[in-house]
Amino acid sequence: MIKTPESIRDESNNVTAKVTTDGAIHVIDPASVRTQKIQNVTSGQPLYVGEADPGTAIATASWRIKKMEYDNGENAPPTGVLWAEGNTNFDKQWTLRTTYAYS
């Protein structure tokens, strides 16, 4: 019997699973844990959102960046997402976010 809560780590795949007191198993994939940077418009809505591995410098080309679309002004909820250079690759710099083409 497994005592709960307990963590189980698979070093070969760099994945951790946690068993909670109710018996549920939660898998934690480090690839899903990201640092985020957000640049908001004056109304407080997000305009640019960047993600990278924790500890990544903002001038390193290891970010993926999206730009939010707004149809009814920036006070309304976003209506779409556009990606820097048209892809979700982690090869952009947060410091250059305003210079990329978005699609």
C-alpha atoms as a PDB file:
ATOM      1  CA  MET A   1       0.000   0.000   0.000  1.00  0.00           C
ATOM      2  CA  ILE A   2       1.253   3.493  -0.869  1.00  0.00           C
ATOM      3  CA  LYS A   3       1.226   6.045   1.925  1.00  0.00           C
ATOM      4  CA  THR A   4      -0.352   9.246   0.678  1.00  0.00           C
ATOM      5  CA  PRO A   5       0.540  11.885  -0.256  1.00  0.00           C
ATOM      6  CA  GLU A   6       3.702  10.595  -1.868  1.00  0.00           C
ATOM      7  CA  SER A   7       5.825  11.613  -4.836  1.00  0.00           C
ATOM      8  CA  ILE A   8       7.189   9.158  -7.358  1.00  0.00           C
ATOM      9  CA  ARG A   9       9.932  10.375  -9.678  1.00  0.00           C
ATOM     10  CA  ASP A  10      10.918   8.818 -13.013  1.00  0.00           C
ATOM     11  CA  GLU A  11      14.436  10.183 -13.536  1.00  0.00           C
ATOM     12  CA  SER A  12      14.757   8.710 -17.045  1.00  0.00           C
ATOM     13  CA  ASN A  13      11.770  10.733 -18.313  1.00  0.00           C
ATOM     14  CA  ASN A  14      12.140  13.664 -15.900  1.00  0.00           C
ATOM     15  CA  VAL A  15       8.528  13.285 -14.734  1.00  0.00           C
ATOM     16  CA  THR A  16       7.078  13.359 -11.229  1.00  0.00           C
ATOM     17  CA  ALA A  17       3.778  11.810 -10.150  1.00  0.00           C
ATOM     18  CA  LYS A  18       2.045  12.696  -6.890  1.00  0.00           C
ATOM     19  CA  VAL A  19      -0.512  10.520  -5.159  1.00  0.00           C
ATOM     20  CA  THR A  20      -2.943  12.601  -3.106  1.00  0.00           C
ATOM     21  CA  THR A  21      -4.760  11.516   0.047  1.00  0.00           C
ATOM     22  CA  ASP A  22      -7.868  10.668  -1.998  1.00  0.00           C
ATOM     23  CA  GLY A  23      -5.813   8.251  -4.134  1.00  0.00           C
ATOM     24  CA  ALA A  24      -5.707  10.431  -7.243  1.00  0.00           C
ATOM     25  CA  ILE A  25      -2.484  10.435  -9.264  1.00  0.00           C
ATOM     26  CA  HIS A  26      -1.272  13.745 -10.690  1.00  0.00           C
ATOM     27  CA  VAL A  27       1.553  13.678 -13.237  1.00  0.00           C
ATOM     28  CA  ILE A  28       3.776  16.755 -13.304  1.00  0.00           C
ATOM     29  CA  ASP A  29       5.580  17.181 -16.601  1.00  0.00           C
ATOM     30  CA  PRO A  30       8.367  19.785 -16.335  1.00  0.00           C
ATOM     31  CA  ALA A  31       7.777  20.745 -19.973  1.00  0.00           C
ATOM     32  CA  SER A  32       4.397  22.154 -18.917  1.00  0.00           C
ATOM     33  CA  VAL A  33       5.886  24.415 -16.227  1.00  0.00           C
ATOM     34  CA  ARG A  34       6.765  27.744 -17.845  1.00  0.00           C
ATOM     35  CA  THR A  35       7.748  31.229 -16.800  1.00  0.00           C
ATOM     36  CA  GLN A  36       5.386  33.838 -18.245  1.00  0.00           C
ATOM     37  CA  LYS A  37       5.822  37.504 -19.119  1.00  0.00           C
ATOM     38  CA  ILE A  38       2.787  39.648 -19.930  1.00  0.00           C
ATOM     39  CA  GLN A  39       2.599  43.120 -21.421  1.00  0.00           C
ATOM     40  CA  ASN A  40      -0.794  44.695 -20.812  1.00  0.00           C
ATOM     41  CA  VAL A  41      -2.532  47.507 -22.672  1.00  0.00           C
ATOM     42  CA  THR A  42      -3.610  50.592 -20.704  1.00  0.00           C
ATOM     43  CA  SER A  43      -6.956  49.013 -19.796  1.00  0.00           C
ATOM     44  CA  GLY A  44      -5.118  46.134 -18.123  1.00  0.00           C
ATOM     45  CA  GLN A  45      -5.921  43.548 -20.776  1.00  0.00           C
ATOM     46  CA  PRO A  46      -3.030  41.344 -21.966  1.00  0.00           C
ATOM     47  CA  LEU A  47      -1.530  42.236 -25.332  1.00  0.00           C
ATOM     48  CA  TYR A  48       1.629  40.098 -25.488  1.00  0.00           C
ATOM     49  CA  VAL A  49       2.130  36.878 -23.538  1.00  0.00           C
ATOM     50  CA  GLY A  50       5.484  35.101 -23.558  1.00  0.00           C
ATOM     51  CA  GLU A  51       6.429  31.697 -22.180  1.00  0.00           C
ATOM     52  CA  ALA A  52       9.840  30.125 -21.584  1.00  0.00           C
ATOM     53  CA  ASP A  53      11.549  27.660 -19.298  1.00  0.00           C
ATOM     54  CA  PRO A  54      12.104  29.010 -15.785  1.00  0.00           C
ATOM     55  CA  GLY A  55      15.292  31.055 -15.549  1.00  0.00           C
ATOM     56  CA  THR A  56      15.375  32.031 -19.242  1.00  0.00           C
ATOM     57  CA  ALA A  57      16.711  35.563 -19.778  1.00  0.00           C
ATOM     58  CA  ILE A  58      14.320  37.886 -21.631  1.00  0.00           C
ATOM     59  CA  ALA A  59      16.923  38.589 -24.339  1.00  0.00           C
ATOM     60  CA  THR A  60      17.502  34.869 -25.040  1.00  0.00           C
ATOM     61  CA  ALA A  61      15.881  33.396 -28.153  1.00  0.00           C
ATOM     62  CA  SER A  62      14.028  30.722 -26.154  1.00  0.00           C
ATOM     63  CA  TRP A  63      10.570  32.274 -25.814  1.00  0.00           C
ATOM     64  CA  ARG A  64       7.287  31.652 -27.593  1.00  0.00           C
ATOM     65  CA  ILE A  65       5.154  34.760 -27.821  1.00  0.00           C
ATOM     66  CA  LYS A  66       1.523  35.334 -28.626  1.00  0.00           C
ATOM     67  CA  LYS A  67      -0.369  38.546 -29.256  1.00  0.00           C
ATOM     68  CA  MET A  68      -4.002  38.862 -28.245  1.00  0.00           C
ATOM     69  CA  GLU A  69      -6.593  40.169 -30.733  1.00  0.00           C
ATOM     70  CA  TYR A  70      -9.475  42.429 -29.750  1.00  0.00           C
ATOM     71  CA  ASP A  71     -12.438  43.097 -32.069  1.00  0.00           C
ATOM     72  CA  ASN A  72     -14.354  45.563 -29.890  1.00  0.00           C
ATOM     73  CA  GLY A  73     -11.587  47.585 -28.323  1.00  0.00           C
ATOM     74  CA  GLU A  74      -9.142  46.583 -25.649  1.00  0.00           C
ATOM     75  CA  ASN A  75     -11.733  46.732 -22.849  1.00  0.00           C
ATOM     76  CA  ALA A  76     -13.581  43.723 -24.278  1.00  0.00           C
ATOM     77  CA  PRO A  77     -12.422  40.115 -23.876  1.00  0.00           C
ATOM     78  CA  PRO A  78      -9.831  38.940 -26.416  1.00  0.00           C
ATOM     79  CA  THR A  79     -11.254  37.347 -29.553  1.00  0.00           C
ATOM     80  CA  GLY A  80      -8.161  35.638 -30.915  1.00  0.00           C
ATOM     81  CA  VAL A  81      -4.526  34.734 -30.540  1.00  0.00           C
ATOM     82  CA  LEU A  82      -1.754  35.383 -33.060  1.00  0.00           C
ATOM     83  CA  TRP A  83       1.715  33.818 -32.787  1.00  0.00           C
ATOM     84  CA  ALA A  84       5.044  35.567 -33.347  1.00  0.00           C
ATOM     85  CA  GLU A  85       6.347  34.689 -36.806  1.00  0.00           C
ATOM     86  CA  GLY A  86       3.278  32.459 -37.238  1.00  0.00           C
ATOM     87  CA  ASN A  87       4.500  29.597 -35.049  1.00  0.00           C
ATOM     88  CA  THR A  88       4.669  28.351 -31.468  1.00  0.00           C
ATOM     89  CA  ASN A  89       8.403  27.638 -31.502  1.00  0.00           C
ATOM     90  CA  PHE A  90      10.459  28.630 -28.466  1.00  0.00           C
ATOM     91  CA  ASP A  91      12.903  30.679 -30.575  1.00  0.00           C
ATOM     92  CA  LYS A  92      11.925  34.312 -29.947  1.00  0.00           C
ATOM     93  CA  GLN A  93      13.244  36.992 -27.606  1.00  0.00           C
ATOM     94  CA  TRP A  94      10.801  38.633 -25.201  1.00  0.00           C
ATOM     95  CA  THR A  95      12.679  41.918 -25.626  1.00  0.00           C
ATOM     96  CA  LEU A  96      11.873  41.880 -29.379  1.00  0.00           C
ATOM     97  CA  ARG A  97       8.163  41.023 -29.036  1.00  0.00           C
ATOM     98  CA  THR A  98       6.948  44.205 -30.762  1.00  0.00           C
ATOM     99  CA  THR A  99       9.164  43.606 -33.814  1.00  0.00           C
ATOM    100  CA  TYR A 100       7.776  40.200 -34.848  1.00  0.00           C
ATOM    101  CA  ALA A 101       5.113  39.622 -37.485  1.00  0.00           C
ATOM    102  CA  TYR A 102       2.053  37.927 -35.945  1.00  0.00           C
ATOM    103  CA  SER A 103      -0.317  35.513 -37.638  1.00  0.00           C
END
